[in-house]
Amino acid sequence: MDNFKQQLNQLLNDIELEMQRIALWQALPPEPNAFLSEQPFAIDTMQSNEWLQWVFLPRMRAIIDANSDIPRNFALHPYFEESLKEEEEVLNLLQLIKTLDELVKE
C-alpha cells in the first residue's frame, strides 16, 4: 500500500474511533431503503453521521482494498461543519474530516 493510501486508511480509522468516542457511532444500520437515496450525503434519508459511518467509510475502504483509484478533490468538511453544529464535542471529528479533505486535494 502506498503512502497516500496508508494515510487515507489511517484517517478513516481515526474518524471511526472519534465517532465512537463521541457517541455518534451506531450499532445498527439505518433501514435498507435509506441507502436508496439519490441525494448527496443521502440527506433526505440519513443523518450526516449515519452517511459517514454506513456509506462513506465502507465505500472508501472498499476502494482502498480493491486498489482502485481514490476519489479526489471532494469536500466533506463544509457539510459536516453545518450538519453537526448542534452536536457536542465534534471539534476533533471536524478536524479529522478537514484533514481528509486536504489529503485528497490534487
C-alpha atoms as a PDB file:
ATOM      1  CA  MET A   1       0.000   0.000   0.000  1.00  0.00           C
ATOM      2  CA  ASP A   2       1.474   3.349  -0.964  1.00  0.00           C
ATOM      3  CA  ASN A   3       1.938   6.193   1.498  1.00  0.00           C
ATOM      4  CA  PHE A   4      -1.145   8.110   0.322  1.00  0.00           C
ATOM      5  CA  LYS A   5      -3.404   5.087   0.805  1.00  0.00           C
ATOM      6  CA  GLN A   6      -1.821   4.375   4.195  1.00  0.00           C
ATOM      7  CA  GLN A   7      -2.514   7.954   5.295  1.00  0.00           C
ATOM      8  CA  LEU A   8      -6.057   7.748   3.976  1.00  0.00           C
ATOM      9  CA  ASN A   9      -6.704   4.426   5.697  1.00  0.00           C
ATOM     10  CA  GLN A  10      -5.374   5.804   8.993  1.00  0.00           C
ATOM     11  CA  LEU A  11      -7.623   8.858   8.713  1.00  0.00           C
ATOM     12  CA  LEU A  12     -10.655   6.656   8.071  1.00  0.00           C
ATOM     13  CA  ASN A  13      -9.781   4.654  11.191  1.00  0.00           C
ATOM     14  CA  ASP A  14      -9.269   7.853  13.200  1.00  0.00           C
ATOM     15  CA  ILE A  15     -12.669   9.169  12.077  1.00  0.00           C
ATOM     16  CA  GLU A  16     -14.320   5.906  13.126  1.00  0.00           C
ATOM     17  CA  LEU A  17     -12.629   5.946  16.538  1.00  0.00           C
ATOM     18  CA  GLU A  18     -13.574   9.574  17.115  1.00  0.00           C
ATOM     19  CA  MET A  19     -17.181   8.898  16.163  1.00  0.00           C
ATOM     20  CA  GLN A  20     -17.220   6.063  18.690  1.00  0.00           C
ATOM     21  CA  ARG A  21     -15.617   8.269  21.345  1.00  0.00           C
ATOM     22  CA  ILE A  22     -18.264  10.987  20.993  1.00  0.00           C
ATOM     23  CA  ALA A  23     -21.152   8.508  20.673  1.00  0.00           C
ATOM     24  CA  LEU A  24     -22.025   9.213  17.032  1.00  0.00           C
ATOM     25  CA  TRP A  25     -21.245   5.613  16.029  1.00  0.00           C
ATOM     26  CA  GLN A  26     -24.308   3.390  15.741  1.00  0.00           C
ATOM     27  CA  ALA A  27     -24.652  -0.333  16.409  1.00  0.00           C
ATOM     28  CA  LEU A  28     -27.403  -0.839  13.839  1.00  0.00           C
ATOM     29  CA  PRO A  29     -27.594   0.469  10.268  1.00  0.00           C
ATOM     30  CA  PRO A  30     -30.440   2.639   9.000  1.00  0.00           C
ATOM     31  CA  GLU A  31     -33.372   0.946   7.290  1.00  0.00           C
ATOM     32  CA  PRO A  32     -32.424  -0.575   3.905  1.00  0.00           C
ATOM     33  CA  ASN A  33     -34.465   1.991   1.949  1.00  0.00           C
ATOM     34  CA  ALA A  34     -32.341   4.786   3.468  1.00  0.00           C
ATOM     35  CA  PHE A  35     -29.482   3.573   1.264  1.00  0.00           C
ATOM     36  CA  LEU A  36     -31.561   4.132  -1.878  1.00  0.00           C
ATOM     37  CA  SER A  37     -31.351   7.916  -1.645  1.00  0.00           C
ATOM     38  CA  GLU A  38     -30.165   9.751  -4.735  1.00  0.00           C
ATOM     39  CA  GLN A  39     -29.437  12.945  -2.803  1.00  0.00           C
ATOM     40  CA  PRO A  40     -25.883  13.995  -1.896  1.00  0.00           C
ATOM     41  CA  PHE A  41     -24.938  12.554   1.512  1.00  0.00           C
ATOM     42  CA  ALA A  42     -28.332  10.759   1.497  1.00  0.00           C
ATOM     43  CA  ILE A  43     -29.513  13.995   3.104  1.00  0.00           C
ATOM     44  CA  ASP A  44     -33.168  13.003   2.685  1.00  0.00           C
ATOM     45  CA  THR A  45     -32.855   9.611   4.396  1.00  0.00           C
ATOM     46  CA  MET A  46     -29.893   9.661   6.806  1.00  0.00           C
ATOM     47  CA  GLN A  47     -28.303  11.851   9.417  1.00  0.00           C
ATOM     48  CA  SER A  48     -24.818  13.024   8.459  1.00  0.00           C
ATOM     49  CA  ASN A  49     -23.086  10.701  10.922  1.00  0.00           C
ATOM     50  CA  GLU A  50     -25.097   7.748   9.546  1.00  0.00           C
ATOM     51  CA  TRP A  51     -23.979   8.533   5.998  1.00  0.00           C
ATOM     52  CA  LEU A  52     -20.376   8.848   7.161  1.00  0.00           C
ATOM     53  CA  GLN A  53     -20.498   5.530   9.026  1.00  0.00           C
ATOM     54  CA  TRP A  54     -22.623   3.405   6.731  1.00  0.00           C
ATOM     55  CA  VAL A  55     -21.857   4.805   3.258  1.00  0.00           C
ATOM     56  CA  PHE A  56     -18.663   6.840   3.061  1.00  0.00           C
ATOM     57  CA  LEU A  57     -16.292   4.861   5.296  1.00  0.00           C
ATOM     58  CA  PRO A  58     -17.211   1.428   3.852  1.00  0.00           C
ATOM     59  CA  ARG A  59     -17.002   2.700   0.250  1.00  0.00           C
ATOM     60  CA  MET A  60     -13.619   4.313   0.800  1.00  0.00           C
ATOM     61  CA  ARG A  61     -12.284   1.180   2.476  1.00  0.00           C
ATOM     62  CA  ALA A  62     -13.608  -0.972  -0.380  1.00  0.00           C
ATOM     63  CA  ILE A  63     -11.871   1.297  -2.899  1.00  0.00           C
ATOM     64  CA  ILE A  64      -8.592   1.027  -0.962  1.00  0.00           C
ATOM     65  CA  ASP A  65      -8.952  -2.762  -0.598  1.00  0.00           C
ATOM     66  CA  ALA A  66      -9.651  -3.134  -4.320  1.00  0.00           C
ATOM     67  CA  ASN A  67      -6.621  -0.963  -5.084  1.00  0.00           C
ATOM     68  CA  SER A  68      -8.887   1.256  -7.196  1.00  0.00           C
ATOM     69  CA  ASP A  69      -8.462   4.950  -7.895  1.00  0.00           C
ATOM     70  CA  ILE A  70      -9.267   7.053  -4.846  1.00  0.00           C
ATOM     71  CA  PRO A  71     -11.817   9.826  -5.440  1.00  0.00           C
ATOM     72  CA  ARG A  72     -10.091  13.192  -5.308  1.00  0.00           C
ATOM     73  CA  ASN A  73     -10.977  16.826  -4.673  1.00  0.00           C
ATOM     74  CA  PHE A  74     -14.062  16.231  -2.572  1.00  0.00           C
ATOM     75  CA  ALA A  75     -15.027  18.493   0.320  1.00  0.00           C
ATOM     76  CA  LEU A  76     -16.895  16.904   3.209  1.00  0.00           C
ATOM     77  CA  HIS A  77     -15.957  19.424   5.882  1.00  0.00           C
ATOM     78  CA  PRO A  78     -18.415  22.214   4.933  1.00  0.00           C
ATOM     79  CA  TYR A  79     -21.350  19.801   5.062  1.00  0.00           C
ATOM     80  CA  PHE A  80     -20.314  18.245   8.361  1.00  0.00           C
ATOM     81  CA  GLU A  81     -19.480  21.597   9.926  1.00  0.00           C
ATOM     82  CA  GLU A  82     -23.065  22.677   9.216  1.00  0.00           C
ATOM     83  CA  SER A  83     -24.809  19.379   9.972  1.00  0.00           C
ATOM     84  CA  LEU A  84     -23.029  18.816  13.281  1.00  0.00           C
ATOM     85  CA  LYS A  85     -23.146  22.380  14.583  1.00  0.00           C
ATOM     86  CA  GLU A  86     -25.666  21.418  17.286  1.00  0.00           C
ATOM     87  CA  GLU A  87     -23.659  18.397  18.457  1.00  0.00           C
ATOM     88  CA  GLU A  88     -21.293  18.410  21.407  1.00  0.00           C
ATOM     89  CA  GLU A  89     -17.608  17.509  21.224  1.00  0.00           C
ATOM     90  CA  VAL A  90     -17.300  17.426  17.431  1.00  0.00           C
ATOM     91  CA  LEU A  91     -14.239  19.669  17.003  1.00  0.00           C
ATOM     92  CA  ASN A  92     -11.811  16.738  16.746  1.00  0.00           C
ATOM     93  CA  LEU A  93     -14.092  14.939  14.304  1.00  0.00           C
ATOM     94  CA  LEU A  94     -14.440  18.057  12.158  1.00  0.00           C
ATOM     95  CA  GLN A  95     -10.656  18.495  12.170  1.00  0.00           C
ATOM     96  CA  LEU A  96     -10.189  14.901  11.011  1.00  0.00           C
ATOM     97  CA  ILE A  97     -12.703  15.445   8.203  1.00  0.00           C
ATOM     98  CA  LYS A  98     -10.920  18.653   7.206  1.00  0.00           C
ATOM     99  CA  THR A  99      -7.606  16.767   7.161  1.00  0.00           C
ATOM    100  CA  LEU A 100      -9.235  14.151   4.930  1.00  0.00           C
ATOM    101  CA  ASP A 101     -10.411  16.851   2.513  1.00  0.00           C
ATOM    102  CA  GLU A 102      -6.886  18.283   2.390  1.00  0.00           C
ATOM    103  CA  LEU A 103      -5.325  14.853   1.819  1.00  0.00           C
ATOM    104  CA  VAL A 104      -7.435  14.153  -1.278  1.00  0.00           C
ATOM    105  CA  LYS A 105      -6.778  17.513  -2.917  1.00  0.00           C
ATOM    106  CA  GLU A 106      -4.668  17.130  -6.024  1.00  0.00           C
END
